[in-house]
C-alpha cells in the first residue's frame, strides 16, 4: 500500500513538471527575431548586427535574433526573393541598387515603408533616383561604380592606369584585367548597363566582347575581384563598388579606385518584404538604420553613409573608426559633396531588360569566351600580316576589305565562326605585286 502511494505521488509530481515544460520552453524562446536577405558584404552585416542588437537590448530590454541570408550577388538574391513567391523567409531585402529593387516593386514583393529620418536622404542626385517616392525602397549607403587597380603591380609592368573605358580594350592590358558576370554581381550588371546606355546597344555589346578578350579570367563575384586585385594576382579589377578601394587601402593594400569617364551612382538600398514574418521588428530596424547610430554602423561596416546631415570630420572627432578613411577616399566631408559627371541613366530601361542583359552576356560572351578570343586573336594576326604585306608593296586592298568584314562579324554581330572564316579569306587574298 505504501509503495503504491509513493508511486502515485511520483507520478503526480512528474505530471505537474510536464505541465510546466511548455511554459518554460515558451519563455526560453521568447526572443524577437529579424531576418535579412541581400548581397551586402560580411563586414557590413556584422557591423549592423552588433549595432542593432545593442540598440534593441537598450531600448526594449530584450534580445533580438538576427539571421542573414546571402545566396550571392544582387541578381541571385533577387531570384531568392522571387522563389519565395510572396511568402518570404526574411523580413528585409538588404542591399542592391535601384534596378533590383524596382524589379521587386513591379513584381509586388516589397511594400512601402518610410523610416524615421527618411527625409534626410535625397530623392534624386544628378538625375539618379536615390529613393522611391512611395517608400518602397530607400538608399542607406550610396556609392559610385568604379574600377580598381594595384598601383604596385602596374608600375612593375610599366603599364599606365587605364583612365577611360576605351583604354581598357587596348591590347597592352590583355591578361591584366578581371571582372565577374553580370548575373553574379549587381555592380557588373550596372557596368554593362553603363556601357550599353552610353555607347549604344550595338556598340556597347561590341565593346564588351573586346573587353572580355582582355580578361585573364572571370572572377566569382565583386568581392573576389577586389581580393584578386588587392593581392596583385591581376592588377586591374572592373566593376567595383567605390568603397572597396577605401577598405583595401585601410587594410594596407596598394589599391586605388579610378572613376571611369562614364559612370553612375548606385543607391545601395533597403526594403521591407511583403508578408514579412517579423514585420514589426523589421520596421524598427529600418528606423534605426537611418538614425545617426545606424548610419555610423553603415560607415564602420565599410560603406558610405546616406544621410545628408553628416560630416566625416565630426564623426572622426567622435571616434567613428572609418570616418577618416572615408574622408580620405572621397576627398570631401560628405558623400553628397562629390563632384561627378554621370551618364544619363535610364532606370526604367535597366529594370525592363534586367533578365535579358544577364542572359545575353552569359550565352553570347561567357559561354563562348574561348571562341570569342580565338576569333579576335586571329583577326589581329591577319591585320598584322596585311600591314607587313603593305610594307612590302604587296596588293592588300581586297584583303583589307575582307578583314574589315571579319571585324564587323566579330564586334557588331557576335558571329565568331563567320568572323574567323572572313579573316582566313583575307589572309588568302594577300597577293604579291
Protein backbone atom coordinates (compact mmCIF):
# COMPACT_ATOMS: atom_id res chain seq x y z
CA UNK A 1 0.00 0.00 0.00
CA UNK A 2 2.85 2.34 0.92
CA UNK A 3 4.65 1.55 -2.35
CA UNK A 4 1.51 2.34 -4.30
CA UNK A 5 1.14 5.70 -2.51
CA UNK A 6 4.78 6.61 -3.30
CA UNK A 7 4.29 5.65 -6.96
CA UNK A 8 1.15 7.80 -7.23
CA UNK A 9 2.98 10.75 -5.64
CA UNK A 10 5.95 10.45 -8.04
CA UNK A 11 3.55 10.20 -10.97
CA UNK A 12 1.72 13.34 -9.86
CA UNK A 13 4.97 15.28 -9.48
CA UNK A 14 6.13 14.24 -12.96
CA UNK A 15 2.76 15.19 -14.43
CA UNK A 16 2.92 18.66 -12.84
CA UNK A 17 6.51 19.08 -14.08
CA UNK A 18 5.48 18.21 -17.61
CA UNK A 19 2.69 20.77 -17.44
CA UNK A 20 5.29 23.48 -16.77
CA UNK A 21 7.67 22.39 -19.58
CA UNK A 22 5.81 24.20 -22.42
CA UNK A 23 5.68 27.38 -20.30
CA UNK A 24 9.39 27.25 -19.58
CA UNK A 25 10.16 26.49 -23.22
CA UNK A 26 7.98 29.37 -24.34
CA UNK A 27 9.87 31.73 -22.02
CA UNK A 28 13.19 30.41 -23.29
CA UNK A 29 12.08 31.03 -26.89
CA UNK A 30 10.59 34.48 -26.24
CA UNK A 31 13.26 36.27 -28.30
CA UNK A 32 12.30 38.74 -31.01
CA UNK A 33 13.52 37.82 -34.47
CA UNK A 34 14.60 39.57 -37.64
CA UNK A 35 15.68 38.18 -40.99
CA UNK A 36 17.69 39.86 -43.75
CA UNK A 37 18.35 38.66 -47.28
CA UNK A 38 20.74 40.52 -49.54
CA UNK A 39 24.16 40.89 -51.16
CA UNK A 40 25.93 43.20 -48.69
CA UNK A 41 29.46 42.41 -47.61
CA UNK A 42 30.07 40.45 -44.41
CA UNK A 43 31.82 43.39 -42.73
CA UNK A 44 28.66 45.48 -43.09
CA UNK A 45 26.28 42.74 -41.96
CA UNK A 46 28.41 42.16 -38.85
CA UNK A 47 28.54 45.88 -38.06
CA UNK A 48 24.76 46.23 -38.45
CA UNK A 49 24.16 43.11 -36.37
CA UNK A 50 26.24 44.40 -33.47
CA UNK A 51 24.73 47.87 -33.62
CA UNK A 52 21.10 46.82 -33.88
CA UNK A 53 21.37 44.17 -31.17
CA UNK A 54 22.84 46.72 -28.76
CA UNK A 55 20.14 49.24 -29.65
CA UNK A 56 17.36 46.66 -29.26
CA UNK A 57 18.60 45.47 -25.88
CA UNK A 58 18.89 49.01 -24.53
CA UNK A 59 15.55 50.14 -25.95
CA UNK A 60 13.34 47.10 -25.39
CA UNK A 61 15.18 45.23 -22.65
CA UNK A 62 15.37 42.02 -24.64
CA UNK A 63 17.49 40.29 -27.24
CA UNK A 64 16.79 40.12 -30.95
CA UNK A 65 17.87 37.14 -33.00
CA UNK A 66 19.10 38.10 -36.48
CA UNK A 67 19.52 35.74 -39.42
CA UNK A 68 21.20 36.83 -42.64
CA UNK A 69 20.88 35.03 -45.97
CA UNK A 70 23.40 35.87 -48.68
CA UNK A 71 22.99 33.39 -51.53
CA UNK A 72 25.07 35.52 -53.93
CA UNK A 73 25.16 38.91 -55.65
CA UNK A 74 22.23 41.19 -56.44
CA UNK A 75 20.65 39.02 -59.15
CA UNK A 76 20.94 35.81 -57.12
CA UNK A 77 19.42 37.46 -54.03
CA UNK A 78 16.63 38.93 -56.14
CA UNK A 79 15.83 35.49 -57.54
CA UNK A 80 15.80 34.09 -53.99
CA UNK A 81 13.04 36.53 -53.06
CA UNK A 82 11.20 35.69 -56.28
CA UNK A 83 11.39 32.00 -55.43
CA UNK A 84 9.65 32.61 -52.09
CA UNK A 85 6.64 33.80 -54.07
CA UNK A 86 5.34 36.32 -51.52
CA UNK A 87 5.95 34.04 -48.52
CA UNK A 88 9.46 35.15 -47.54
CA UNK A 89 11.80 33.56 -45.02
CA UNK A 90 13.19 37.04 -44.28
CA UNK A 91 11.79 40.47 -43.45
CA UNK A 92 14.22 42.86 -45.11
CA UNK A 93 15.85 42.98 -48.54
CA UNK A 94 19.20 44.48 -47.53
CA UNK A 95 21.44 45.86 -50.25
CA UNK A 96 21.50 46.03 -54.09
CA UNK A 97 20.88 49.05 -56.24
CA UNK A 98 17.81 50.65 -57.75
CA UNK A 99 17.13 48.21 -60.65
CA UNK A 100 16.93 45.18 -58.34
CA UNK A 101 14.52 46.98 -56.01
CA UNK A 102 12.46 48.25 -58.94
CA UNK A 103 12.06 44.67 -60.18
CA UNK A 104 10.84 43.59 -56.74
CA UNK A 105 8.48 46.57 -56.63
CA UNK A 106 6.99 45.78 -60.04
CA UNK A 107 6.50 42.16 -59.04
CA UNK A 108 4.79 43.17 -55.79
CA UNK A 109 7.37 41.58 -53.49
CA UNK A 110 8.21 44.67 -51.39
CA UNK A 111 5.89 47.11 -49.61
CA UNK A 112 6.14 50.84 -48.82
CA UNK A 113 7.61 51.98 -45.53
CA UNK A 114 9.19 55.37 -44.88
CA UNK A 115 11.57 55.05 -41.92
CA UNK A 116 12.14 57.82 -39.41
CA UNK A 117 14.58 60.41 -40.84
CA UNK A 118 13.57 59.27 -44.34
CA UNK A 119 13.67 62.95 -45.34
CA UNK A 120 17.42 63.07 -44.57
CA UNK A 121 18.09 61.04 -47.73
CA UNK A 122 17.78 62.96 -51.05
CA UNK A 123 15.14 61.88 -53.55
CA UNK A 124 17.47 62.25 -56.55
CA UNK A 125 21.09 63.18 -57.18
CA UNK A 126 22.49 64.23 -60.55
CA UNK A 127 19.38 62.76 -62.17
CA UNK A 128 19.66 59.36 -60.44
CA UNK A 129 16.83 58.11 -58.27
CA UNK A 130 18.02 57.73 -54.67
CA UNK A 131 14.78 56.55 -53.05
CA UNK A 132 11.30 55.52 -54.11
CA UNK A 133 8.80 58.35 -53.63
CA UNK A 134 6.20 55.91 -52.27
CA UNK A 135 8.72 54.48 -49.84
CA UNK A 136 9.11 51.02 -51.40
CA UNK A 137 12.90 51.30 -51.12
CA UNK A 138 15.40 53.81 -49.78
CA UNK A 139 19.15 54.26 -50.23
CA UNK A 140 21.06 53.69 -47.00
CA UNK A 141 24.59 53.66 -48.49
CA UNK A 142 25.40 55.48 -51.76
CA UNK A 143 28.43 54.72 -53.91
CA UNK A 144 29.72 55.10 -57.46
CA UNK A 145 30.65 52.36 -59.93
CA UNK A 146 34.42 52.46 -60.36
CA UNK A 147 37.38 50.30 -61.34
CA UNK A 148 40.33 49.31 -59.16
CA UNK A 149 43.99 48.92 -59.93
CA UNK A 150 47.00 47.71 -57.97
CA UNK A 151 49.44 50.58 -58.40
CA UNK A 152 52.46 48.50 -57.31
CA UNK A 153 51.87 45.78 -59.92
CA UNK A 154 51.02 48.18 -62.74
CA UNK A 155 54.23 50.07 -62.02
CA UNK A 156 56.27 46.86 -62.25
CA UNK A 157 54.55 46.00 -65.55
CA UNK A 158 55.19 49.55 -66.77
CA UNK A 159 51.54 49.98 -67.61
CA UNK A 160 49.70 53.28 -67.11
CA UNK A 161 46.41 53.21 -65.14
CA UNK A 162 43.56 52.97 -67.68
CA UNK A 163 41.62 56.22 -67.37
CA UNK A 164 38.72 55.56 -69.76
CA UNK A 165 36.61 52.60 -70.79
CA UNK A 166 38.26 52.62 -74.23
CA UNK A 167 41.70 52.42 -72.61
CA UNK A 168 40.70 49.06 -71.13
CA UNK A 169 40.33 47.33 -74.52
CA UNK A 170 43.85 48.28 -75.55
CA UNK A 171 45.79 45.01 -76.14
CA UNK A 172 48.54 46.24 -73.76
CA UNK A 173 46.21 45.28 -70.90
CA UNK A 174 45.48 41.79 -72.20
CA UNK A 175 45.66 39.26 -69.41
CA UNK A 176 45.80 42.00 -66.77
CA UNK A 177 42.07 42.56 -66.29
CA UNK A 178 39.48 40.68 -64.25
CA UNK A 179 35.74 41.01 -63.67
CA UNK A 180 32.78 38.78 -62.94
CA UNK A 181 29.49 38.00 -64.67
CA UNK A 182 26.53 40.41 -64.57
CA UNK A 183 24.43 37.57 -63.18
CA UNK A 184 26.88 37.07 -60.31
CA UNK A 185 27.23 40.74 -59.41
CA UNK A 186 24.87 43.68 -59.47
CA UNK A 187 27.85 46.02 -59.85
CA UNK A 188 28.90 44.20 -63.01
CA UNK A 189 25.30 44.27 -64.19
CA UNK A 190 25.26 48.03 -63.69
CA UNK A 191 28.60 48.28 -65.51
CA UNK A 192 27.10 46.51 -68.52
CA UNK A 193 24.21 48.99 -68.41
CA UNK A 194 26.67 51.91 -68.25
CA UNK A 195 28.34 50.61 -71.41
CA UNK A 196 25.10 49.86 -73.25
CA UNK A 197 23.47 53.17 -72.36
CA UNK A 198 26.49 55.37 -73.04
CA UNK A 199 27.87 53.64 -76.16
CA UNK A 200 24.56 52.50 -77.65
CA UNK A 201 23.32 48.91 -77.58
CA UNK A 202 25.11 47.57 -80.68
CA UNK A 203 28.35 49.39 -79.98
CA UNK A 204 28.06 48.52 -76.30
CA UNK A 205 27.97 44.78 -76.90
CA UNK A 206 30.84 45.17 -79.36
CA UNK A 207 32.86 46.88 -76.63
CA UNK A 208 32.02 44.18 -74.08
CA UNK A 209 33.28 41.49 -76.48
CA UNK A 210 36.60 43.31 -76.84
CA UNK A 211 36.85 43.78 -73.07
CA UNK A 212 36.17 40.07 -72.49
CA UNK A 213 39.09 39.26 -74.79
CA UNK A 214 41.41 41.22 -72.46
CA UNK A 215 40.35 39.30 -69.33
CA UNK A 216 42.76 36.98 -67.57
CA UNK A 217 39.72 35.14 -66.18
CA UNK A 218 36.24 35.67 -64.78
CA UNK A 219 36.04 36.10 -61.01
CA UNK A 220 33.31 34.56 -58.88
CA UNK A 221 31.92 37.94 -57.78
CA UNK A 222 32.73 41.56 -56.94
CA UNK A 223 34.38 40.59 -53.64
CA UNK A 224 36.57 38.07 -55.45
CA UNK A 225 37.57 40.76 -57.98
CA UNK A 226 38.60 43.04 -55.11
CA UNK A 227 40.69 40.33 -53.46
CA UNK A 228 42.39 39.31 -56.72
CA UNK A 229 43.32 42.94 -57.46
CA UNK A 230 44.37 43.71 -53.88
CA UNK A 231 46.71 40.72 -53.75
CA UNK A 232 48.18 41.71 -57.10
CA UNK A 233 47.28 38.47 -58.89
CA UNK A 234 45.65 40.54 -61.66
CA UNK A 235 46.29 44.29 -61.43
CA UNK A 236 43.03 45.73 -62.82
CA UNK A 237 39.58 44.93 -61.40
CA UNK A 238 36.48 46.06 -63.31
CA UNK A 239 33.05 46.91 -61.92
CA UNK A 240 33.74 47.71 -58.30
CA UNK A 241 31.78 49.48 -55.59
CA UNK A 242 33.67 52.68 -54.83
CA UNK A 243 34.14 51.87 -51.14
CA UNK A 244 36.13 48.68 -51.92
CA UNK A 245 39.28 50.73 -52.55
CA UNK A 246 38.75 52.55 -49.25
CA UNK A 247 38.62 49.28 -47.30
CA UNK A 248 41.53 47.71 -49.23
CA UNK A 249 43.78 50.71 -48.52
CA UNK A 250 42.73 50.68 -44.88
CA UNK A 251 43.93 47.08 -44.80
CA UNK A 252 47.31 48.05 -46.26
CA UNK A 253 46.94 47.11 -49.94
CA UNK A 254 48.34 49.42 -52.68
CA UNK A 255 44.94 49.72 -54.35
CA UNK A 256 43.36 52.80 -55.87
CA UNK A 257 39.99 53.39 -57.42
CA UNK A 258 39.68 55.20 -60.72
CA UNK A 259 36.35 56.71 -61.71
CA UNK A 260 35.97 55.96 -65.42
CA UNK A 261 34.82 58.59 -67.88
CA UNK A 262 31.28 57.18 -67.80
CA UNK A 263 29.72 56.01 -64.56
CA UNK A 264 26.63 56.14 -62.33
CA UNK A 265 25.56 56.47 -58.73
CA UNK A 266 24.42 53.25 -57.09
CA UNK A 267 21.93 53.81 -54.26
CA UNK A 268 22.58 50.72 -52.11
CA UNK A 269 19.03 50.33 -50.87
CA UNK A 270 16.83 48.54 -48.35
CA UNK A 271 13.20 47.47 -48.45
CA UNK A 272 10.53 45.74 -46.35
CA UNK A 273 9.44 42.45 -47.90
CA UNK A 274 5.76 41.78 -48.48
CA UNK A 275 4.30 39.44 -45.84
CA UNK A 276 7.43 39.77 -43.70
CA UNK A 277 7.13 37.23 -40.84
CA UNK A 278 8.50 39.76 -38.33
CA UNK A 279 7.22 43.00 -39.81
CA UNK A 280 7.17 44.95 -36.53
CA UNK A 281 10.84 44.26 -35.84
CA UNK A 282 11.64 44.89 -39.48
CA UNK A 283 10.22 48.41 -39.24
CA UNK A 284 12.14 49.04 -36.02
CA UNK A 285 15.32 48.01 -37.82
CA UNK A 286 14.62 50.36 -40.73
CA UNK A 287 14.02 53.26 -38.32
CA UNK A 288 17.31 52.50 -36.58
CA UNK A 289 19.24 52.07 -39.86
CA UNK A 290 18.55 55.68 -40.83
CA UNK A 291 19.28 57.06 -37.37
CA UNK A 292 22.70 58.58 -36.69
CA UNK A 293 23.79 55.43 -34.84
CA UNK A 294 22.57 53.22 -37.67
CA UNK A 295 24.43 55.30 -40.25
CA UNK A 296 27.60 55.12 -38.17
CA UNK A 297 27.25 51.33 -38.20
CA UNK A 298 26.95 51.54 -42.00
CA UNK A 299 30.22 53.51 -42.23
CA UNK A 300 32.02 51.21 -39.79
CA UNK A 301 30.86 48.34 -41.99
CA UNK A 302 32.84 49.78 -44.91
CA UNK A 303 30.03 51.60 -46.76
CA UNK A 304 29.38 55.34 -47.14
CA UNK A 305 26.52 56.82 -45.09
CA UNK A 306 23.44 58.15 -46.89
CA UNK A 307 22.21 60.97 -44.66
CA UNK A 308 22.85 64.48 -45.97
CA UNK A 309 23.40 65.96 -42.49
CA UNK A 310 26.57 64.07 -41.53
CA UNK A 311 30.20 65.19 -41.71
CA UNK A 312 33.09 62.72 -41.63
CA UNK A 313 35.25 65.23 -39.76
CA UNK A 314 32.67 65.45 -36.96
CA UNK A 315 32.34 61.68 -36.75
CA UNK A 316 36.12 61.29 -36.70
CA UNK A 317 36.25 63.52 -33.61
CA UNK A 318 33.52 61.36 -32.07
CA UNK A 319 35.71 58.29 -32.54
CA UNK A 320 33.99 56.68 -35.55
CA UNK A 321 36.76 54.45 -36.84
CA UNK A 322 36.06 54.61 -40.57
CA UNK A 323 35.36 58.36 -40.80
CA UNK A 324 38.97 59.33 -41.57
CA UNK A 325 39.25 56.62 -44.23
CA UNK A 326 36.01 57.79 -45.89
CA UNK A 327 37.12 61.41 -45.94
CA UNK A 328 40.49 60.46 -47.43
CA UNK A 329 38.94 58.14 -50.02
CA UNK A 330 36.37 60.65 -51.24
CA UNK A 331 38.33 63.85 -50.71
CA UNK A 332 35.22 65.56 -49.32
CA UNK A 333 33.48 65.71 -45.92
CA UNK A 334 30.26 64.05 -47.06
CA UNK A 335 29.44 61.70 -49.91
CA UNK A 336 26.94 64.19 -51.35
CA UNK A 337 29.69 66.82 -51.69
CA UNK A 338 31.31 64.83 -54.53
CA UNK A 339 31.52 66.46 -57.96
CA UNK A 340 30.99 63.76 -60.58
CA UNK A 341 29.74 63.72 -64.17
CA UNK A 342 27.29 60.87 -64.62
CA UNK A 343 25.74 59.42 -67.74
CA UNK A 344 22.04 59.99 -68.32
CA UNK A 345 20.90 56.70 -66.80
CA UNK A 346 17.55 55.22 -67.84
CA UNK A 347 16.39 53.28 -64.77
CA UNK A 348 13.16 52.13 -66.42
CA UNK A 349 15.07 50.62 -69.34
CA UNK A 350 17.58 48.95 -66.99
CA UNK A 351 14.72 47.46 -64.96
CA UNK A 352 12.84 46.26 -68.03
CA UNK A 353 15.76 44.35 -69.52
CA UNK A 354 17.32 43.12 -66.27
CA UNK A 355 16.97 39.40 -67.08
CA UNK A 356 17.62 39.86 -70.79
CA UNK A 357 21.02 41.53 -70.25
CA UNK A 358 22.16 38.84 -67.82
CA UNK A 359 21.12 36.06 -70.18
CA UNK A 360 22.68 37.60 -73.30
CA UNK A 361 26.03 38.15 -71.59
CA UNK A 362 26.09 34.61 -70.23
CA UNK A 363 25.22 32.88 -73.51
CA UNK A 364 26.92 35.16 -76.07
CA UNK A 365 30.09 36.15 -74.23
CA UNK A 366 30.81 33.99 -71.19
CA UNK A 367 29.88 30.60 -72.65
CA UNK A 368 31.62 31.44 -75.92
CA UNK A 369 34.66 33.05 -74.30
CA UNK A 370 37.20 30.66 -75.85
CA UNK A 371 35.70 31.03 -79.32
CA UNK A 372 35.45 34.80 -78.85
CA UNK A 373 39.15 35.10 -78.02
CA UNK A 374 40.35 32.81 -80.80
CA UNK A 375 38.32 34.79 -83.35
CA UNK A 376 39.66 38.18 -82.25
CA UNK A 377 43.24 36.96 -81.98
CA UNK A 378 43.08 35.52 -85.50
CA UNK A 379 41.70 38.82 -86.84
CA UNK A 380 44.54 40.70 -85.14
CA UNK A 381 47.12 38.29 -86.61
CA UNK A 382 45.81 38.77 -90.13
CA UNK A 383 45.65 42.55 -89.64
CA UNK A 384 49.34 42.41 -88.72
CA UNK A 385 50.10 40.32 -91.80
CA UNK A 386 48.27 42.80 -94.01
CA UNK A 387 50.33 45.67 -92.59
CA UNK A 388 53.52 43.66 -93.18
CA UNK A 389 52.43 42.87 -96.75
CA UNK A 390 51.60 46.51 -97.34
CA UNK A 391 55.11 47.48 -96.22
CA UNK A 392 56.49 45.08 -98.83
CA UNK A 393 54.42 46.81 -101.51
CA UNK A 394 52.00 43.87 -101.87
CA UNK A 395 48.45 44.36 -103.11
CA UNK A 396 46.37 44.40 -99.91
CA UNK A 397 43.24 46.30 -100.96
CA UNK A 398 40.92 43.28 -101.23
CA UNK A 399 42.39 41.72 -98.09
CA UNK A 400 41.77 44.96 -96.18
CA UNK A 401 38.12 44.97 -97.21
CA UNK A 402 37.75 41.36 -96.14
CA UNK A 403 39.38 41.88 -92.73
CA UNK A 404 37.06 44.82 -92.09
CA UNK A 405 34.18 42.43 -92.71
CA UNK A 406 35.73 40.00 -90.22
CA UNK A 407 35.89 42.78 -87.61
CA UNK A 408 32.23 43.62 -88.20
CA UNK A 409 31.15 39.99 -87.91
CA UNK A 410 33.04 39.70 -84.63
CA UNK A 411 32.20 43.00 -82.96
CA UNK A 412 28.77 44.04 -84.21
CA UNK A 413 27.21 40.65 -84.98
CA UNK A 414 28.91 38.42 -82.46
CA UNK A 415 29.26 35.77 -85.16
CA UNK A 416 32.61 34.37 -84.15
CA UNK A 417 32.74 31.46 -86.60
CA UNK A 418 31.93 33.66 -89.59
CA UNK A 419 34.49 36.19 -88.39
CA UNK A 420 37.21 33.55 -88.38
CA UNK A 421 36.30 32.42 -91.90
CA UNK A 422 36.39 36.01 -93.12
CA UNK A 423 39.82 36.50 -91.52
CA UNK A 424 41.17 33.37 -93.17
CA UNK A 425 39.82 34.54 -96.51
CA UNK A 426 41.53 37.90 -96.00
CA UNK A 427 44.81 36.07 -95.38
CA UNK A 428 44.41 34.11 -98.62
CA UNK A 429 43.83 37.33 -100.55
CA UNK A 430 47.28 38.73 -99.87
CA UNK A 431 48.85 38.88 -103.34
CA UNK A 432 52.45 39.73 -104.18
CA UNK A 433 52.90 42.67 -106.61
